[in-house]
Amino acid sequence: MKFLIILLLVIVSYAEEHNIFLDAEISVPFYGIAKEIDIVGDENSYDSPTFFLGIALGYSLQLNNRWLLEPSIGFHINSGGSILDIDNMYSSTASIFDYDYYNATLPLMYYNKGTKKGIFFKYIGIPSLEYGGNLKEKIVIKNKHAYAVGAKYYIGNLFFTYEYVFNGKYYYKDNVSYVDIEGSRISIGIRRNF
């Protein structure tokens, strides 16, 4: 956390006009599953949250007149339930697993005629993943991380991203129950420069 605060102070101190930005986005994972398995082999499955709401603060660093780096740090919170699973959304035995995450993203963008497009690498830090409690105690997996690569496209202040998350399968201490968040995600968002 100290590193993120220092990074933010450095970004602000070197900021020129309109180089600092704030992105707000909604992200939808295409895949995510968790399995709760007890010692006799009974199992329950849990789905990923339907979407995540996120914000990121970053800095545009121009490399030349067409290329720029746009590093950012952000935080995403989950939707808290599956919109499609109305019966279980308010139940104590909901069929989703729960996690929020923070991220550091490094995009390399190409600017041309009012649009930007590029690729990015993302580090994802997950303080905890929680699910279960139907077959045994609630399962909590702490301090995990994943990585993602993807593409980003800006038109004006609106942006679209596609990313693929990897290194995202985590086993509980029983080495049987697990969470898997690997797979594709899409996002749509808006940027505010200042």
Protein backbone atom coordinates (compact mmCIF):
# COMPACT_ATOMS: atom_id res chain seq x y z
CA MET A 1 0.00 0.00 0.00
CA LYS A 2 2.88 2.38 0.76
CA PHE A 3 4.20 1.74 -2.74
CA LEU A 4 0.86 2.78 -4.28
CA ILE A 5 0.78 6.02 -2.26
CA ILE A 6 4.36 6.88 -3.28
CA LEU A 7 3.53 6.09 -6.92
CA LEU A 8 0.49 8.38 -6.75
CA LEU A 9 2.58 11.23 -5.27
CA VAL A 10 5.21 10.85 -8.02
CA ILE A 11 2.53 10.84 -10.73
CA VAL A 12 0.91 14.00 -9.33
CA SER A 13 4.24 15.83 -8.98
CA TYR A 14 5.21 15.17 -12.63
CA ALA A 15 1.76 15.77 -14.06
CA GLU A 16 1.38 18.16 -16.94
CA GLU A 17 -1.88 19.50 -18.27
CA HIS A 18 -4.44 16.68 -18.79
CA ASN A 19 -1.94 13.86 -18.20
CA ILE A 20 -3.67 12.45 -15.11
CA PHE A 21 -6.80 10.42 -15.74
CA LEU A 22 -9.51 8.63 -13.83
CA ASP A 23 -11.18 5.64 -15.49
CA ALA A 24 -14.52 4.22 -14.35
CA GLU A 25 -15.61 0.90 -15.81
CA ILE A 26 -17.94 -2.05 -15.61
CA SER A 27 -16.27 -5.42 -16.25
CA VAL A 28 -18.04 -8.69 -17.06
CA PRO A 29 -16.21 -12.03 -16.60
CA PHE A 30 -17.22 -14.80 -19.02
CA TYR A 31 -16.03 -17.53 -16.70
CA GLY A 32 -15.48 -18.17 -13.04
CA ILE A 33 -16.29 -21.19 -10.91
CA ALA A 34 -15.68 -22.38 -7.39
CA LYS A 35 -16.11 -25.92 -6.07
CA GLU A 36 -16.76 -26.86 -2.45
CA ILE A 37 -15.98 -30.56 -2.03
CA ASP A 38 -16.22 -32.45 1.25
CA ILE A 39 -14.30 -35.57 2.35
CA VAL A 40 -16.89 -38.01 0.97
CA GLY A 41 -16.94 -36.37 -2.47
CA ASP A 42 -20.16 -34.33 -2.24
CA GLU A 43 -19.75 -31.00 -4.03
CA ASN A 44 -21.40 -27.65 -4.60
CA SER A 45 -20.55 -25.27 -7.44
CA TYR A 46 -20.51 -21.49 -7.24
CA ASP A 47 -20.47 -18.97 -10.09
CA SER A 48 -18.42 -15.81 -10.50
CA PRO A 49 -20.07 -12.47 -9.67
CA THR A 50 -22.03 -11.13 -12.65
CA PHE A 51 -19.96 -7.95 -13.00
CA PHE A 52 -17.39 -5.71 -11.30
CA LEU A 53 -17.40 -1.93 -10.93
CA GLY A 54 -13.96 -0.37 -10.98
CA ILE A 55 -12.02 2.86 -10.85
CA ALA A 56 -8.40 3.47 -11.79
CA LEU A 57 -6.11 6.46 -11.47
CA GLY A 58 -3.29 6.81 -13.97
CA TYR A 59 -0.89 8.97 -15.90
CA SER A 60 -0.39 9.35 -19.69
CA LEU A 61 3.28 9.37 -20.59
CA GLN A 62 3.87 10.35 -24.22
CA LEU A 63 6.73 8.41 -25.83
CA ASN A 64 6.50 10.25 -29.17
CA ASN A 65 3.74 11.85 -31.24
CA ARG A 66 1.89 8.51 -31.75
CA TRP A 67 2.82 6.17 -28.86
CA LEU A 68 2.13 6.51 -25.17
CA LEU A 69 2.26 4.53 -21.94
CA GLU A 70 -0.70 4.84 -19.57
CA PRO A 71 0.12 3.11 -16.27
CA SER A 72 -2.68 3.05 -13.70
CA ILE A 73 -3.68 1.58 -10.36
CA GLY A 74 -7.25 0.68 -9.54
CA PHE A 75 -9.77 -1.19 -7.43
CA HIS A 76 -12.80 -3.28 -8.47
CA ILE A 77 -15.77 -4.33 -6.33
CA ASN A 78 -18.04 -7.22 -7.26
CA SER A 79 -21.75 -7.01 -7.95
CA GLY A 80 -22.54 -8.89 -4.75
CA GLY A 81 -24.72 -11.45 -6.47
CA SER A 82 -25.83 -12.91 -9.73
CA ILE A 83 -28.51 -10.78 -11.36
CA LEU A 84 -29.59 -13.82 -13.35
CA ASP A 85 -30.09 -15.97 -10.23
CA ILE A 86 -32.88 -14.03 -8.48
CA ASP A 87 -33.89 -16.93 -6.22
CA ASN A 88 -30.45 -17.17 -4.62
CA MET A 89 -29.43 -13.51 -4.67
CA TYR A 90 -30.72 -12.76 -1.17
CA SER A 91 -30.34 -16.26 0.23
CA SER A 92 -27.69 -17.27 2.76
CA THR A 93 -26.84 -20.15 0.40
CA ALA A 94 -26.23 -17.97 -2.67
CA SER A 95 -24.61 -19.75 -5.59
CA ILE A 96 -21.81 -17.23 -6.23
CA PHE A 97 -18.36 -16.74 -4.82
CA ASP A 98 -17.27 -13.36 -3.58
CA TYR A 99 -14.10 -11.34 -4.22
CA ASP A 100 -12.91 -7.80 -4.92
CA TYR A 101 -9.53 -6.98 -6.40
CA TYR A 102 -7.01 -4.23 -6.98
CA ASN A 103 -4.86 -3.97 -10.08
CA ALA A 104 -1.87 -2.28 -11.67
CA THR A 105 -2.13 -1.93 -15.45
CA LEU A 106 0.51 -1.01 -18.03
CA PRO A 107 -0.94 -0.27 -21.50
CA LEU A 108 1.06 0.65 -24.58
CA MET A 109 -1.28 2.77 -26.73
CA TYR A 110 -1.16 4.01 -30.32
CA TYR A 111 -2.86 7.37 -30.93
CA ASN A 112 -4.29 8.33 -34.34
CA LYS A 113 -7.10 10.72 -35.38
CA GLY A 114 -8.91 10.92 -32.04
CA THR A 115 -8.76 7.20 -31.25
CA LYS A 116 -6.33 5.18 -29.16
CA LYS A 117 -5.79 1.46 -29.31
CA GLY A 118 -3.26 -0.82 -27.75
CA ILE A 119 -2.33 -3.78 -25.63
CA PHE A 120 -1.85 -4.05 -21.89
CA PHE A 121 -0.49 -6.20 -19.10
CA LYS A 122 -2.31 -6.26 -15.77
CA TYR A 123 -1.38 -7.49 -12.30
CA ILE A 124 -4.42 -8.47 -10.20
CA GLY A 125 -4.21 -8.68 -6.41
CA ILE A 126 -7.01 -10.47 -4.56
CA PRO A 127 -7.16 -9.93 -0.78
CA SER A 128 -9.63 -12.82 -0.29
CA LEU A 129 -12.04 -15.13 -2.10
CA GLU A 130 -15.01 -16.41 -0.09
CA TYR A 131 -17.64 -19.04 -0.80
CA GLY A 132 -19.32 -22.15 0.51
CA GLY A 133 -20.51 -23.04 3.93
CA ASN A 134 -23.10 -25.53 2.73
CA LEU A 135 -21.02 -28.73 3.09
CA LYS A 136 -18.47 -27.52 5.64
CA GLU A 137 -17.19 -24.24 7.09
CA LYS A 138 -17.10 -21.17 4.86
CA ILE A 139 -14.09 -21.32 2.54
CA VAL A 140 -11.79 -18.28 2.55
CA ILE A 141 -8.71 -18.17 0.32
CA LYS A 142 -6.47 -15.18 1.11
CA ASN A 143 -3.79 -13.09 -0.61
CA LYS A 144 -3.78 -14.43 -4.15
CA HIS A 145 -2.79 -12.83 -7.42
CA ALA A 146 -3.38 -13.30 -11.13
CA TYR A 147 -2.25 -11.68 -14.37
CA ALA A 148 -4.06 -10.58 -17.49
CA VAL A 149 -3.18 -9.51 -21.01
CA GLY A 150 -5.58 -7.72 -23.26
CA ALA A 151 -6.47 -5.05 -25.79
CA LYS A 152 -7.99 -1.63 -25.21
CA TYR A 153 -9.72 0.74 -27.62
CA TYR A 154 -10.65 4.39 -26.93
CA ILE A 155 -12.94 6.59 -28.95
CA GLY A 156 -13.19 10.00 -27.32
CA ASN A 157 -13.63 9.40 -23.57
CA LEU A 158 -15.31 6.00 -24.00
CA PHE A 159 -13.24 2.81 -23.92
CA PHE A 160 -13.67 -0.92 -24.47
CA THR A 161 -11.34 -3.67 -23.28
CA TYR A 162 -10.94 -7.38 -23.72
CA GLU A 163 -8.63 -9.27 -21.39
CA TYR A 164 -7.70 -12.83 -20.60
CA VAL A 165 -6.89 -13.68 -16.97
CA PHE A 166 -4.35 -16.43 -16.28
CA ASN A 167 -2.67 -17.88 -13.17
CA GLY A 168 -6.08 -17.67 -11.48
CA LYS A 169 -6.79 -21.15 -10.09
CA TYR A 170 -6.48 -21.37 -6.29
CA TYR A 171 -6.91 -24.38 -4.02
CA TYR A 172 -8.20 -24.26 -0.47
CA LYS A 173 -6.03 -25.75 2.30
CA ASP A 174 -7.79 -29.14 1.86
CA ASN A 175 -6.28 -29.27 -1.70
CA VAL A 176 -9.66 -30.38 -3.09
CA SER A 177 -11.95 -27.34 -3.03
CA TYR A 178 -10.89 -24.59 -5.42
CA VAL A 179 -11.69 -21.33 -7.20
CA ASP A 180 -10.92 -20.74 -10.89
CA ILE A 181 -11.17 -17.18 -12.28
CA GLU A 182 -9.09 -17.77 -15.42
CA GLY A 183 -10.71 -16.75 -18.69
CA SER A 184 -12.01 -13.83 -20.72
CA ARG A 185 -13.50 -10.54 -19.56
CA ILE A 186 -14.88 -7.53 -21.38
CA SER A 187 -15.21 -4.01 -20.04
CA ILE A 188 -16.74 -0.72 -21.02
CA GLY A 189 -15.85 2.53 -19.35
CA ILE A 190 -15.40 6.24 -19.42
CA ARG A 191 -12.29 8.36 -18.86
CA ARG A 192 -11.97 11.77 -17.20
CA ASN A 193 -8.72 13.69 -17.77
CA PHE A 194 -7.48 16.36 -15.42
